[in-house]
């Protein structure tokens, strides 16, 4: 999905209260808001920025409720269905939110991306105690756009959740063919690759395109292959391996391959590394949830030309093994540790 190609067509907005808040009610509208170029760019910028920084690829999950996916498919198939479908989506969000979820404005957007129809579901911050105003015009409930623009739709308004969804295949869009990208700027302890499970599964009815454990394994295998086949310098191989082990063992919830390369690899080595990542079927710019259940991260195994093998922890490699510089008279390593036992075998 090329986010640069995203264009906003029409926008419907509803006001969704905090979950389990009996003193605040869902406020639904009957018509799309009136868009000018400034507002189109506002919504486009909010969505593209969030998805570019934190977006993960998702597909339909047949094990989850398809109410929202079906409504999204209606918008993709026929943008004229935007308002009715968006009301269904807002009602579903109001139904599944809990007291942990703050009030917010739900915007449902009909547009295009990659030259085909798409829909976006965007939850924006709404200041506590501030409701957007609804006017009754010709018997229909419409947004007081001046009030909304002045007090809510500002550059300081936070994006809570964002998505950009399309449909696979050439036929009419339906719930089972919805795919796209989702981001979550509210990261709590209950996350799936940076997306709250309630939003991704319970609300949208989607799942991650690739399982985190599989993506993590493929990343580690690609990195190992790069380090051992592409990097000639023993010193850089050791440094890169330490970085890989540290990344697998730290507390980050996700990995973006290009970010890893920028943080840990010399500039000249990054293209070859990213090529290995692509060959493994991963997008260098697409973050994935880190799950190390299929990889070995406890330590390292260093095999020498003679056949000797040195094993140890990440700390051993970083603190007790000195890899000699590339221009050393005698290549190899120095081990800074006392011998505890030595025997034949």
C-alpha atoms as a PDB file:
ATOM      1  CA  UNK A   1       0.000   0.000   0.000  1.00  0.00           C
ATOM      2  CA  UNK A   2       1.483   3.300  -1.134  1.00  0.00           C
ATOM      3  CA  UNK A   3       0.345   5.818   1.482  1.00  0.00           C
ATOM      4  CA  UNK A   4       1.470   8.709  -0.702  1.00  0.00           C
ATOM      5  CA  UNK A   5      -1.332   7.833  -3.114  1.00  0.00           C
ATOM      6  CA  UNK A   6      -4.074   8.137  -0.472  1.00  0.00           C
ATOM      7  CA  UNK A   7      -6.767  10.730  -1.254  1.00  0.00           C
ATOM      8  CA  UNK A   8      -9.722  11.732   0.935  1.00  0.00           C
ATOM      9  CA  UNK A   9     -13.130  11.677  -0.745  1.00  0.00           C
ATOM     10  CA  UNK A  10     -15.775  12.121   1.981  1.00  0.00           C
ATOM     11  CA  UNK A  11     -15.780  12.124   5.793  1.00  0.00           C
ATOM     12  CA  UNK A  12     -18.482  11.235   8.322  1.00  0.00           C
ATOM     13  CA  UNK A  13     -17.875  12.070  12.008  1.00  0.00           C
ATOM     14  CA  UNK A  14     -19.566  10.823  15.165  1.00  0.00           C
ATOM     15  CA  UNK A  15     -18.896  11.468  18.852  1.00  0.00           C
ATOM     16  CA  UNK A  16     -18.211   8.295  20.864  1.00  0.00           C
ATOM     17  CA  UNK A  17     -18.219   8.571  24.680  1.00  0.00           C
ATOM     18  CA  UNK A  18     -15.814   6.903  27.089  1.00  0.00           C
ATOM     19  CA  UNK A  19     -16.542   3.214  27.534  1.00  0.00           C
ATOM     20  CA  UNK A  20     -19.083   2.417  30.257  1.00  0.00           C
ATOM     21  CA  UNK A  21     -19.850   6.129  30.728  1.00  0.00           C
ATOM     22  CA  UNK A  22     -23.580   6.201  31.449  1.00  0.00           C
ATOM     23  CA  UNK A  23     -23.587  10.003  31.709  1.00  0.00           C
ATOM     24  CA  UNK A  24     -22.418  10.508  28.133  1.00  0.00           C
ATOM     25  CA  UNK A  25     -24.239   9.285  25.037  1.00  0.00           C
ATOM     26  CA  UNK A  26     -23.218   8.339  21.538  1.00  0.00           C
ATOM     27  CA  UNK A  27     -23.854  11.278  19.175  1.00  0.00           C
ATOM     28  CA  UNK A  28     -24.497  10.260  15.571  1.00  0.00           C
ATOM     29  CA  UNK A  29     -24.780  12.491  12.501  1.00  0.00           C
ATOM     30  CA  UNK A  30     -26.813  12.075   9.326  1.00  0.00           C
ATOM     31  CA  UNK A  31     -24.566  13.618   6.662  1.00  0.00           C
ATOM     32  CA  UNK A  32     -20.869  13.821   5.758  1.00  0.00           C
ATOM     33  CA  UNK A  33     -19.107  17.013   6.794  1.00  0.00           C
ATOM     34  CA  UNK A  34     -18.475  19.725   4.234  1.00  0.00           C
ATOM     35  CA  UNK A  35     -14.883  19.355   3.087  1.00  0.00           C
ATOM     36  CA  UNK A  36     -12.537  21.999   1.750  1.00  0.00           C
ATOM     37  CA  UNK A  37      -8.892  21.498   0.745  1.00  0.00           C
ATOM     38  CA  UNK A  38      -7.655  22.357   4.238  1.00  0.00           C
ATOM     39  CA  UNK A  39      -9.840  19.722   5.902  1.00  0.00           C
ATOM     40  CA  UNK A  40      -8.997  17.101   3.272  1.00  0.00           C
ATOM     41  CA  UNK A  41      -5.311  17.650   3.928  1.00  0.00           C
ATOM     42  CA  UNK A  42      -5.890  17.601   7.682  1.00  0.00           C
ATOM     43  CA  UNK A  43      -7.451  14.121   7.660  1.00  0.00           C
ATOM     44  CA  UNK A  44      -4.990  12.841   5.092  1.00  0.00           C
ATOM     45  CA  UNK A  45      -2.025  14.099   7.110  1.00  0.00           C
ATOM     46  CA  UNK A  46      -3.260  12.586  10.374  1.00  0.00           C
ATOM     47  CA  UNK A  47      -3.852   9.175   8.796  1.00  0.00           C
ATOM     48  CA  UNK A  48      -0.685   8.998   6.697  1.00  0.00           C
ATOM     49  CA  UNK A  49       1.553  10.177   9.542  1.00  0.00           C
ATOM     50  CA  UNK A  50       0.197   7.637  12.012  1.00  0.00           C
ATOM     51  CA  UNK A  51       0.267   4.724   9.569  1.00  0.00           C
ATOM     52  CA  UNK A  52       3.740   5.616   8.284  1.00  0.00           C
ATOM     53  CA  UNK A  53       5.225   5.664  11.767  1.00  0.00           C
ATOM     54  CA  UNK A  54       3.392   2.765  13.419  1.00  0.00           C
ATOM     55  CA  UNK A  55       1.258   0.973  10.840  1.00  0.00           C
ATOM     56  CA  UNK A  56       1.109  -2.819  10.649  1.00  0.00           C
ATOM     57  CA  UNK A  57      -0.433  -4.871   7.856  1.00  0.00           C
ATOM     58  CA  UNK A  58      -3.655  -6.700   8.699  1.00  0.00           C
ATOM     59  CA  UNK A  59      -6.116  -9.086   7.077  1.00  0.00           C
ATOM     60  CA  UNK A  60      -9.642 -10.222   7.901  1.00  0.00           C
ATOM     61  CA  UNK A  61      -9.961 -12.615  10.848  1.00  0.00           C
ATOM     62  CA  UNK A  62     -12.814 -15.058  10.350  1.00  0.00           C
ATOM     63  CA  UNK A  63     -12.753 -15.852  14.074  1.00  0.00           C
ATOM     64  CA  UNK A  64     -13.732 -12.298  15.024  1.00  0.00           C
ATOM     65  CA  UNK A  65     -16.977 -10.356  14.663  1.00  0.00           C
ATOM     66  CA  UNK A  66     -17.339  -8.965  11.125  1.00  0.00           C
ATOM     67  CA  UNK A  67     -19.748  -6.060  11.816  1.00  0.00           C
ATOM     68  CA  UNK A  68     -17.117  -3.386  11.212  1.00  0.00           C
ATOM     69  CA  UNK A  69     -15.466  -5.221   8.311  1.00  0.00           C
ATOM     70  CA  UNK A  70     -18.836  -5.594   6.614  1.00  0.00           C
ATOM     71  CA  UNK A  71     -19.540  -1.889   7.082  1.00  0.00           C
ATOM     72  CA  UNK A  72     -16.084  -0.999   5.738  1.00  0.00           C
ATOM     73  CA  UNK A  73     -16.717  -3.238   2.728  1.00  0.00           C
ATOM     74  CA  UNK A  74     -19.966  -1.353   2.054  1.00  0.00           C
ATOM     75  CA  UNK A  75     -18.057   1.936   1.926  1.00  0.00           C
ATOM     76  CA  UNK A  76     -15.400   0.482  -0.373  1.00  0.00           C
ATOM     77  CA  UNK A  77     -18.016  -0.992  -2.703  1.00  0.00           C
ATOM     78  CA  UNK A  78     -20.173   2.136  -2.716  1.00  0.00           C
ATOM     79  CA  UNK A  79     -18.973   5.438  -1.162  1.00  0.00           C
ATOM     80  CA  UNK A  80     -22.611   6.536  -1.079  1.00  0.00           C
ATOM     81  CA  UNK A  81     -23.066   4.115   1.829  1.00  0.00           C
ATOM     82  CA  UNK A  82     -20.584   6.117   3.944  1.00  0.00           C
ATOM     83  CA  UNK A  83     -22.971   7.682   6.465  1.00  0.00           C
ATOM     84  CA  UNK A  84     -25.092   4.596   7.160  1.00  0.00           C
ATOM     85  CA  UNK A  85     -22.029   2.372   7.387  1.00  0.00           C
ATOM     86  CA  UNK A  86     -20.188   4.842   9.616  1.00  0.00           C
ATOM     87  CA  UNK A  87     -23.093   4.890  12.069  1.00  0.00           C
ATOM     88  CA  UNK A  88     -22.850   1.103  12.338  1.00  0.00           C
ATOM     89  CA  UNK A  89     -19.105   1.405  12.970  1.00  0.00           C
ATOM     90  CA  UNK A  90     -19.609   4.080  15.649  1.00  0.00           C
ATOM     91  CA  UNK A  91     -22.261   1.980  17.396  1.00  0.00           C
ATOM     92  CA  UNK A  92     -19.922  -1.012  17.402  1.00  0.00           C
ATOM     93  CA  UNK A  93     -17.094   1.037  18.909  1.00  0.00           C
ATOM     94  CA  UNK A  94     -19.422   2.352  21.603  1.00  0.00           C
ATOM     95  CA  UNK A  95     -20.476  -1.236  22.320  1.00  0.00           C
ATOM     96  CA  UNK A  96     -16.996  -2.749  22.701  1.00  0.00           C
ATOM     97  CA  UNK A  97     -15.175   0.072  24.477  1.00  0.00           C
ATOM     98  CA  UNK A  98     -14.495  -0.283  28.199  1.00  0.00           C
ATOM     99  CA  UNK A  99     -13.797   2.279  30.896  1.00  0.00           C
ATOM    100  CA  UNK A 100     -10.129   2.183  29.869  1.00  0.00           C
ATOM    101  CA  UNK A 101     -10.976   3.737  26.487  1.00  0.00           C
ATOM    102  CA  UNK A 102     -11.341   7.532  26.408  1.00  0.00           C
ATOM    103  CA  UNK A 103     -14.032   9.443  24.573  1.00  0.00           C
ATOM    104  CA  UNK A 104     -13.188  10.465  21.048  1.00  0.00           C
ATOM    105  CA  UNK A 105     -14.340  11.495  17.614  1.00  0.00           C
ATOM    106  CA  UNK A 106     -14.796   8.633  15.173  1.00  0.00           C
ATOM    107  CA  UNK A 107     -14.169   9.636  11.569  1.00  0.00           C
ATOM    108  CA  UNK A 108     -14.978   7.199   8.769  1.00  0.00           C
ATOM    109  CA  UNK A 109     -13.526   8.215   5.436  1.00  0.00           C
ATOM    110  CA  UNK A 110     -14.196   7.129   1.884  1.00  0.00           C
ATOM    111  CA  UNK A 111     -11.263   7.637  -0.438  1.00  0.00           C
ATOM    112  CA  UNK A 112      -8.798   6.039  -2.791  1.00  0.00           C
ATOM    113  CA  UNK A 113      -5.342   4.518  -2.427  1.00  0.00           C
ATOM    114  CA  UNK A 114      -3.220   2.880  -5.104  1.00  0.00           C
ATOM    115  CA  UNK A 115      -5.891   3.933  -7.597  1.00  0.00           C
ATOM    116  CA  UNK A 116      -8.697   1.936  -5.981  1.00  0.00           C
ATOM    117  CA  UNK A 117     -11.401   2.634  -3.425  1.00  0.00           C
ATOM    118  CA  UNK A 118     -10.593   2.442   0.269  1.00  0.00           C
ATOM    119  CA  UNK A 119     -12.041   3.301   3.664  1.00  0.00           C
ATOM    120  CA  UNK A 120     -10.380   4.687   6.753  1.00  0.00           C
ATOM    121  CA  UNK A 121     -11.542   4.379  10.352  1.00  0.00           C
ATOM    122  CA  UNK A 122      -9.907   7.043  12.504  1.00  0.00           C
ATOM    123  CA  UNK A 123     -10.396   7.727  16.216  1.00  0.00           C
ATOM    124  CA  UNK A 124      -9.310  11.206  17.271  1.00  0.00           C
ATOM    125  CA  UNK A 125      -8.902  12.775  20.680  1.00  0.00           C
ATOM    126  CA  UNK A 126     -11.838  14.720  22.049  1.00  0.00           C
ATOM    127  CA  UNK A 127     -11.114  16.995  24.996  1.00  0.00           C
ATOM    128  CA  UNK A 128     -12.742  15.726  28.181  1.00  0.00           C
ATOM    129  CA  UNK A 129     -16.051  17.484  28.824  1.00  0.00           C
ATOM    130  CA  UNK A 130     -16.177  19.019  25.347  1.00  0.00           C
ATOM    131  CA  UNK A 131     -18.843  17.645  23.007  1.00  0.00           C
ATOM    132  CA  UNK A 132     -18.975  18.628  19.386  1.00  0.00           C
ATOM    133  CA  UNK A 133     -22.067  20.523  18.389  1.00  0.00           C
ATOM    134  CA  UNK A 134     -24.732  19.070  16.161  1.00  0.00           C
ATOM    135  CA  UNK A 135     -27.151  21.284  14.239  1.00  0.00           C
ATOM    136  CA  UNK A 136     -30.513  20.183  12.880  1.00  0.00           C
ATOM    137  CA  UNK A 137     -30.820  21.292   9.267  1.00  0.00           C
ATOM    138  CA  UNK A 138     -33.872  20.184   7.325  1.00  0.00           C
ATOM    139  CA  UNK A 139     -34.562  17.552   9.932  1.00  0.00           C
ATOM    140  CA  UNK A 140     -31.069  16.060   9.640  1.00  0.00           C
ATOM    141  CA  UNK A 141     -28.336  16.088  12.274  1.00  0.00           C
ATOM    142  CA  UNK A 142     -25.159  17.655  10.929  1.00  0.00           C
ATOM    143  CA  UNK A 143     -21.881  18.748  12.514  1.00  0.00           C
ATOM    144  CA  UNK A 144     -21.356  22.369  13.487  1.00  0.00           C
ATOM    145  CA  UNK A 145     -18.229  22.497  11.372  1.00  0.00           C
ATOM    146  CA  UNK A 146     -16.984  25.885  12.568  1.00  0.00           C
ATOM    147  CA  UNK A 147     -17.050  24.717  16.186  1.00  0.00           C
ATOM    148  CA  UNK A 148     -15.441  21.416  15.224  1.00  0.00           C
ATOM    149  CA  UNK A 149     -12.661  23.060  13.248  1.00  0.00           C
ATOM    150  CA  UNK A 150     -11.850  25.693  15.867  1.00  0.00           C
ATOM    151  CA  UNK A 151     -11.862  23.543  19.005  1.00  0.00           C
ATOM    152  CA  UNK A 152     -11.230  19.964  17.932  1.00  0.00           C
ATOM    153  CA  UNK A 153      -9.617  19.512  14.536  1.00  0.00           C
ATOM    154  CA  UNK A 154      -6.271  21.118  15.292  1.00  0.00           C
ATOM    155  CA  UNK A 155      -2.686  20.027  14.800  1.00  0.00           C
ATOM    156  CA  UNK A 156      -2.503  19.307  18.549  1.00  0.00           C
ATOM    157  CA  UNK A 157      -5.372  16.816  18.354  1.00  0.00           C
ATOM    158  CA  UNK A 158      -4.016  13.339  19.051  1.00  0.00           C
ATOM    159  CA  UNK A 159      -4.685  10.339  16.850  1.00  0.00           C
ATOM    160  CA  UNK A 160      -5.785   7.433  19.037  1.00  0.00           C
ATOM    161  CA  UNK A 161      -6.304   4.774  16.371  1.00  0.00           C
ATOM    162  CA  UNK A 162      -6.035   4.804  12.566  1.00  0.00           C
ATOM    163  CA  UNK A 163      -6.635   2.393   9.725  1.00  0.00           C
ATOM    164  CA  UNK A 164      -6.653   2.377   5.947  1.00  0.00           C
ATOM    165  CA  UNK A 165      -8.506  -0.574   4.471  1.00  0.00           C
ATOM    166  CA  UNK A 166      -9.081  -1.924   0.977  1.00  0.00           C
ATOM    167  CA  UNK A 167     -10.446  -5.181  -0.439  1.00  0.00           C
ATOM    168  CA  UNK A 168      -8.524  -8.001  -2.080  1.00  0.00           C
ATOM    169  CA  UNK A 169      -9.548  -9.410  -5.439  1.00  0.00           C
ATOM    170  CA  UNK A 170     -11.414  -7.989  -8.397  1.00  0.00           C
ATOM    171  CA  UNK A 171     -14.942  -8.703  -7.184  1.00  0.00           C
ATOM    172  CA  UNK A 172     -17.267  -6.664  -5.007  1.00  0.00           C
ATOM    173  CA  UNK A 173     -15.752  -5.840  -1.615  1.00  0.00           C
ATOM    174  CA  UNK A 174     -17.002  -7.974   1.274  1.00  0.00           C
ATOM    175  CA  UNK A 175     -16.093  -8.531   4.904  1.00  0.00           C
ATOM    176  CA  UNK A 176     -13.875 -11.526   4.215  1.00  0.00           C
ATOM    177  CA  UNK A 177     -11.687  -9.660   1.687  1.00  0.00           C
ATOM    178  CA  UNK A 178     -10.862  -6.582   3.781  1.00  0.00           C
ATOM    179  CA  UNK A 179      -7.111  -5.950   4.197  1.00  0.00           C
ATOM    180  CA  UNK A 180      -4.998  -2.929   4.989  1.00  0.00           C
ATOM    181  CA  UNK A 181      -2.861  -1.160   7.541  1.00  0.00           C
ATOM    182  CA  UNK A 182      -3.672  -0.253  11.152  1.00  0.00           C
ATOM    183  CA  UNK A 183      -1.875   1.859  13.769  1.00  0.00           C
ATOM    184  CA  UNK A 184      -2.383   2.580  17.450  1.00  0.00           C
ATOM    185  CA  UNK A 185      -0.879   5.683  19.036  1.00  0.00           C
ATOM    186  CA  UNK A 186      -2.213   4.653  22.477  1.00  0.00           C
ATOM    187  CA  UNK A 187       0.112   1.880  23.482  1.00  0.00           C
ATOM    188  CA  UNK A 188      -0.740   0.033  26.642  1.00  0.00           C
ATOM    189  CA  UNK A 189       0.307  -3.284  28.081  1.00  0.00           C
ATOM    190  CA  UNK A 190      -2.263  -5.165  26.000  1.00  0.00           C
ATOM    191  CA  UNK A 191      -0.773  -4.810  22.543  1.00  0.00           C
ATOM    192  CA  UNK A 192      -0.303  -6.819  19.381  1.00  0.00           C
ATOM    193  CA  UNK A 193       2.560  -5.320  17.408  1.00  0.00           C
ATOM    194  CA  UNK A 194       1.628  -1.960  18.829  1.00  0.00           C
ATOM    195  CA  UNK A 195      -2.133  -2.312  18.215  1.00  0.00           C
ATOM    196  CA  UNK A 196      -4.557  -2.910  21.081  1.00  0.00           C
ATOM    197  CA  UNK A 197      -6.159  -6.317  20.674  1.00  0.00           C
ATOM    198  CA  UNK A 198      -9.611  -4.870  21.370  1.00  0.00           C
ATOM    199  CA  UNK A 199      -9.226  -2.449  18.453  1.00  0.00           C
ATOM    200  CA  UNK A 200      -7.607  -4.856  16.013  1.00  0.00           C
ATOM    201  CA  UNK A 201      -9.634  -7.977  16.764  1.00  0.00           C
ATOM    202  CA  UNK A 202     -12.777  -7.174  18.759  1.00  0.00           C
ATOM    203  CA  UNK A 203     -13.583  -3.947  16.915  1.00  0.00           C
ATOM    204  CA  UNK A 204     -12.119  -4.181  13.408  1.00  0.00           C
ATOM    205  CA  UNK A 205     -12.366  -7.978  13.187  1.00  0.00           C
ATOM    206  CA  UNK A 206      -8.841  -8.259  11.770  1.00  0.00           C
ATOM    207  CA  UNK A 207      -5.544  -9.906  12.643  1.00  0.00           C
ATOM    208  CA  UNK A 208      -1.918  -9.286  11.801  1.00  0.00           C
ATOM    209  CA  UNK A 209      -1.005 -10.411   8.294  1.00  0.00           C
ATOM    210  CA  UNK A 210       2.069 -12.278   9.542  1.00  0.00           C
ATOM    211  CA  UNK A 211       2.387 -13.936  12.924  1.00  0.00           C
ATOM    212  CA  UNK A 212       4.926 -12.171  15.163  1.00  0.00           C
ATOM    213  CA  UNK A 213       6.836 -15.364  15.940  1.00  0.00           C
ATOM    214  CA  UNK A 214       7.264 -16.200  12.244  1.00  0.00           C
ATOM    215  CA  UNK A 215       8.325 -12.654  11.318  1.00  0.00           C
ATOM    216  CA  UNK A 216      10.814 -12.544  14.204  1.00  0.00           C
ATOM    217  CA  UNK A 217      12.344 -15.866  13.146  1.00  0.00           C
ATOM    218  CA  UNK A 218      12.640 -14.712   9.525  1.00  0.00           C
ATOM    219  CA  UNK A 219      14.281 -11.469  10.648  1.00  0.00           C
ATOM    220  CA  UNK A 220      16.846 -13.254  12.820  1.00  0.00           C
ATOM    221  CA  UNK A 221      17.633 -15.756  10.063  1.00  0.00           C
ATOM    222  CA  UNK A 222      18.084 -12.927   7.544  1.00  0.00           C
ATOM    223  CA  UNK A 223      20.323 -11.017   9.966  1.00  0.00           C
ATOM    224  CA  UNK A 224      22.439 -14.093  10.716  1.00  0.00           C
ATOM    225  CA  UNK A 225      22.838 -14.829   7.006  1.00  0.00           C
ATOM    226  CA  UNK A 226      23.843 -11.225   6.351  1.00  0.00           C
ATOM    227  CA  UNK A 227      26.369 -11.139   9.204  1.00  0.00           C
ATOM    228  CA  UNK A 228      28.084 -14.356   8.178  1.00  0.00           C
ATOM    229  CA  UNK A 229      27.918 -14.074   4.391  1.00  0.00           C
ATOM    230  CA  UNK A 230      28.050 -10.349   3.655  1.00  0.00           C
ATOM    231  CA  UNK A 231      30.248  -8.821   6.394  1.00  0.00           C
ATOM    232  CA  UNK A 232      33.973  -9.390   5.862  1.00  0.00           C
ATOM    233  CA  UNK A 233      35.158  -7.611   8.998  1.00  0.00           C
ATOM    234  CA  UNK A 234      35.312  -9.821  12.089  1.00  0.00           C
ATOM    235  CA  UNK A 235      34.999  -6.760  14.318  1.00  0.00           C
ATOM    236  CA  UNK A 236      31.803  -5.648  12.581  1.00  0.00           C
ATOM    237  CA  UNK A 237      30.410  -9.188  12.631  1.00  0.00           C
ATOM    238  CA  UNK A 238      30.856  -9.271  16.396  1.00  0.00           C
ATOM    239  CA  UNK A 239      29.350  -5.805  16.855  1.00  0.00           C
ATOM    240  CA  UNK A 240      26.344  -6.633  14.703  1.00  0.00           C
ATOM    241  CA  UNK A 241      25.756  -9.919  16.515  1.00  0.00           C
ATOM    242  CA  UNK A 242      25.792  -8.162  19.881  1.00  0.00           C
ATOM    243  CA  UNK A 243      23.239  -5.664  18.554  1.00  0.00           C
ATOM    244  CA  UNK A 244      21.007  -8.447  17.240  1.00  0.00           C
ATOM    245  CA  UNK A 245      21.077 -10.348  20.542  1.00  0.00           C
ATOM    246  CA  UNK A 246      20.441  -7.159  22.506  1.00  0.00           C
ATOM    247  CA  UNK A 247      17.457  -6.288  20.302  1.00  0.00           C
ATOM    248  CA  UNK A 248      15.967  -9.736  20.782  1.00  0.00           C
ATOM    249  CA  UNK A 249      16.305  -9.472  24.565  1.00  0.00           C
ATOM    250  CA  UNK A 250      15.215  -5.869  25.186  1.00  0.00           C
ATOM    251  CA  UNK A 251      11.711  -4.725  26.126  1.00  0.00           C
ATOM    252  CA  UNK A 252      10.655  -3.290  22.769  1.00  0.00           C
ATOM    253  CA  UNK A 253       7.371  -4.709  21.473  1.00  0.00           C
ATOM    254  CA  UNK A 254       8.177  -4.476  17.774  1.00  0.00           C
ATOM    255  CA  UNK A 255      10.986  -4.290  15.243  1.00  0.00           C
ATOM    256  CA  UNK A 256      11.244  -2.167  12.112  1.00  0.00           C
ATOM    257  CA  UNK A 257      14.169  -3.562  10.020  1.00  0.00           C
ATOM    258  CA  UNK A 258      15.231  -0.213   8.570  1.00  0.00           C
ATOM    259  CA  UNK A 259      15.301   1.362  12.026  1.00  0.00           C
ATOM    260  CA  UNK A 260      17.460  -1.518  13.285  1.00  0.00           C
ATOM    261  CA  UNK A 261      19.844  -1.011  10.353  1.00  0.00           C
ATOM    262  CA  UNK A 262      20.173   2.731  10.964  1.00  0.00           C
ATOM    263  CA  UNK A 263      20.786   2.231  14.671  1.00  0.00           C
ATOM    264  CA  UNK A 264      23.299  -0.629  14.526  1.00  0.00           C
ATOM    265  CA  UNK A 265      24.860  -1.081  11.075  1.00  0.00           C
ATOM    266  CA  UNK A 266      27.466   0.960   9.251  1.00  0.00           C
ATOM    267  CA  UNK A 267      25.968   2.885   6.338  1.00  0.00           C
ATOM    268  CA  UNK A 268      27.847   0.833   3.730  1.00  0.00           C
ATOM    269  CA  UNK A 269      26.392  -2.425   5.096  1.00  0.00           C
ATOM    270  CA  UNK A 270      22.755  -1.360   5.276  1.00  0.00           C
ATOM    271  CA  UNK A 271      21.715  -2.009   1.634  1.00  0.00           C
ATOM    272  CA  UNK A 272      22.919  -5.618   1.724  1.00  0.00           C
ATOM    273  CA  UNK A 273      21.185  -6.199   5.053  1.00  0.00           C
ATOM    274  CA  UNK A 274      17.888  -4.758   3.795  1.00  0.00           C
ATOM    275  CA  UNK A 275      18.152  -6.916   0.656  1.00  0.00           C
ATOM    276  CA  UNK A 276      18.423  -9.981   2.917  1.00  0.00           C
ATOM    277  CA  UNK A 277      15.354  -8.795   4.809  1.00  0.00           C
ATOM    278  CA  UNK A 278      13.381  -8.402   1.574  1.00  0.00           C
ATOM    279  CA  UNK A 279      14.518 -11.842   0.396  1.00  0.00           C
ATOM    280  CA  UNK A 280      13.070 -13.226   3.628  1.00  0.00           C
ATOM    281  CA  UNK A 281       9.678 -11.781   2.676  1.00  0.00           C
ATOM    282  CA  UNK A 282       9.741  -8.865   5.120  1.00  0.00           C
ATOM    283  CA  UNK A 283       9.170  -5.207   4.301  1.00  0.00           C
ATOM    284  CA  UNK A 284      12.090  -3.161   5.704  1.00  0.00           C
ATOM    285  CA  UNK A 285       9.717  -0.286   6.503  1.00  0.00           C
ATOM    286  CA  UNK A 286       6.963  -2.425   8.006  1.00  0.00           C
ATOM    287  CA  UNK A 287       7.220  -3.042  11.770  1.00  0.00           C
ATOM    288  CA  UNK A 288       6.293  -6.442  13.143  1.00  0.00           C
ATOM    289  CA  UNK A 289       5.554  -7.658  16.637  1.00  0.00           C
ATOM    290  CA  UNK A 290       8.548  -9.212  18.351  1.00  0.00           C
ATOM    291  CA  UNK A 291       7.991 -12.774  19.543  1.00  0.00           C
ATOM    292  CA  UNK A 292      11.163 -14.754  20.274  1.00  0.00           C
ATOM    293  CA  UNK A 293       9.465 -18.084  20.979  1.00  0.00           C
ATOM    294  CA  UNK A 294      10.980 -19.650  17.815  1.00  0.00           C
ATOM    295  CA  UNK A 295      14.480 -18.169  18.029  1.00  0.00           C
ATOM    296  CA  UNK A 296      17.506 -18.801  20.211  1.00  0.00           C
ATOM    297  CA  UNK A 297      18.437 -15.619  22.017  1.00  0.00           C
ATOM    298  CA  UNK A 298      20.259 -16.864  25.118  1.00  0.00           C
ATOM    299  CA  UNK A 299      23.727 -16.331  23.674  1.00  0.00           C
ATOM    300  CA  UNK A 300      26.169 -16.840  20.812  1.00  0.00           C
ATOM    301  CA  UNK A 301      28.132 -19.604  19.128  1.00  0.00           C
ATOM    302  CA  UNK A 302      31.407 -18.630  17.453  1.00  0.00           C
ATOM    303  CA  UNK A 303      33.001 -21.198  15.131  1.00  0.00           C
ATOM    304  CA  UNK A 304      36.684 -20.791  14.277  1.00  0.00           C
ATOM    305  CA  UNK A 305      38.455 -21.768  11.062  1.00  0.00           C
ATOM    306  CA  UNK A 306      40.187 -24.615  12.895  1.00  0.00           C
ATOM    307  CA  UNK A 307      36.871 -26.076  13.979  1.00  0.00           C
ATOM    308  CA  UNK A 308      36.987 -24.864  17.571  1.00  0.00           C
ATOM    309  CA  UNK A 309      33.748 -23.483  18.950  1.00  0.00           C
ATOM    310  CA  UNK A 310      33.216 -20.765  21.545  1.00  0.00           C
ATOM    311  CA  UNK A 311      29.821 -20.354  23.182  1.00  0.00           C
ATOM    312  CA  UNK A 312      28.576 -17.851  25.739  1.00  0.00           C
ATOM    313  CA  UNK A 313      25.983 -15.272  26.652  1.00  0.00           C
ATOM    314  CA  UNK A 314      25.375 -11.874  25.124  1.00  0.00           C
ATOM    315  CA  UNK A 315      27.255 -10.357  28.072  1.00  0.00           C
ATOM    316  CA  UNK A 316      30.218 -12.689  27.430  1.00  0.00           C
ATOM    317  CA  UNK A 317      30.420 -11.576  23.815  1.00  0.00           C
ATOM    318  CA  UNK A 318      30.206  -7.932  24.757  1.00  0.00           C
ATOM    319  CA  UNK A 319      32.428  -7.915  27.871  1.00  0.00           C
ATOM    320  CA  UNK A 320      34.822 -10.873  27.700  1.00  0.00           C
ATOM    321  CA  UNK A 321      35.520 -11.468  24.003  1.00  0.00           C
ATOM    322  CA  UNK A 322      37.659  -8.908  22.183  1.00  0.00           C
ATOM    323  CA  UNK A 323      37.615  -9.327  18.432  1.00  0.00           C
ATOM    324  CA  UNK A 324      40.904  -8.059  17.038  1.00  0.00           C
ATOM    325  CA  UNK A 325      40.848  -5.200  14.517  1.00  0.00           C
ATOM    326  CA  UNK A 326      40.770  -6.008  10.836  1.00  0.00           C
ATOM    327  CA  UNK A 327      44.333  -4.741  10.395  1.00  0.00           C
ATOM    328  CA  UNK A 328      45.771  -6.826  13.242  1.00  0.00           C
ATOM    329  CA  UNK A 329      48.848  -8.872  12.410  1.00  0.00           C
ATOM    330  CA  UNK A 330      47.149 -12.005  13.716  1.00  0.00           C
ATOM    331  CA  UNK A 331      43.350 -12.125  13.203  1.00  0.00           C
ATOM    332  CA  UNK A 332      41.204 -13.729  15.867  1.00  0.00           C
ATOM    333  CA  UNK A 333      39.847 -13.013  19.314  1.00  0.00           C
ATOM    334  CA  UNK A 334      41.130 -12.439  22.833  1.00  0.00           C
ATOM    335  CA  UNK A 335      39.200 -13.991  25.731  1.00  0.00           C
ATOM    336  CA  UNK A 336      39.337 -11.990  28.950  1.00  0.00           C
ATOM    337  CA  UNK A 337      38.459 -14.583  31.551  1.00  0.00           C
ATOM    338  CA  UNK A 338      40.165 -16.873  34.063  1.00  0.00           C
ATOM    339  CA  UNK A 339      40.397 -20.590  33.340  1.00  0.00           C
ATOM    340  CA  UNK A 340      38.357 -22.568  35.849  1.00  0.00           C
ATOM    341  CA  UNK A 341      38.938 -26.087  34.552  1.00  0.00           C
ATOM    342  CA  UNK A 342      40.882 -27.700  31.718  1.00  0.00           C
ATOM    343  CA  UNK A 343      40.806 -31.394  30.875  1.00  0.00           C
ATOM    344  CA  UNK A 344      41.057 -33.714  27.943  1.00  0.00           C
ATOM    345  CA  UNK A 345      38.119 -35.236  26.197  1.00  0.00           C
END
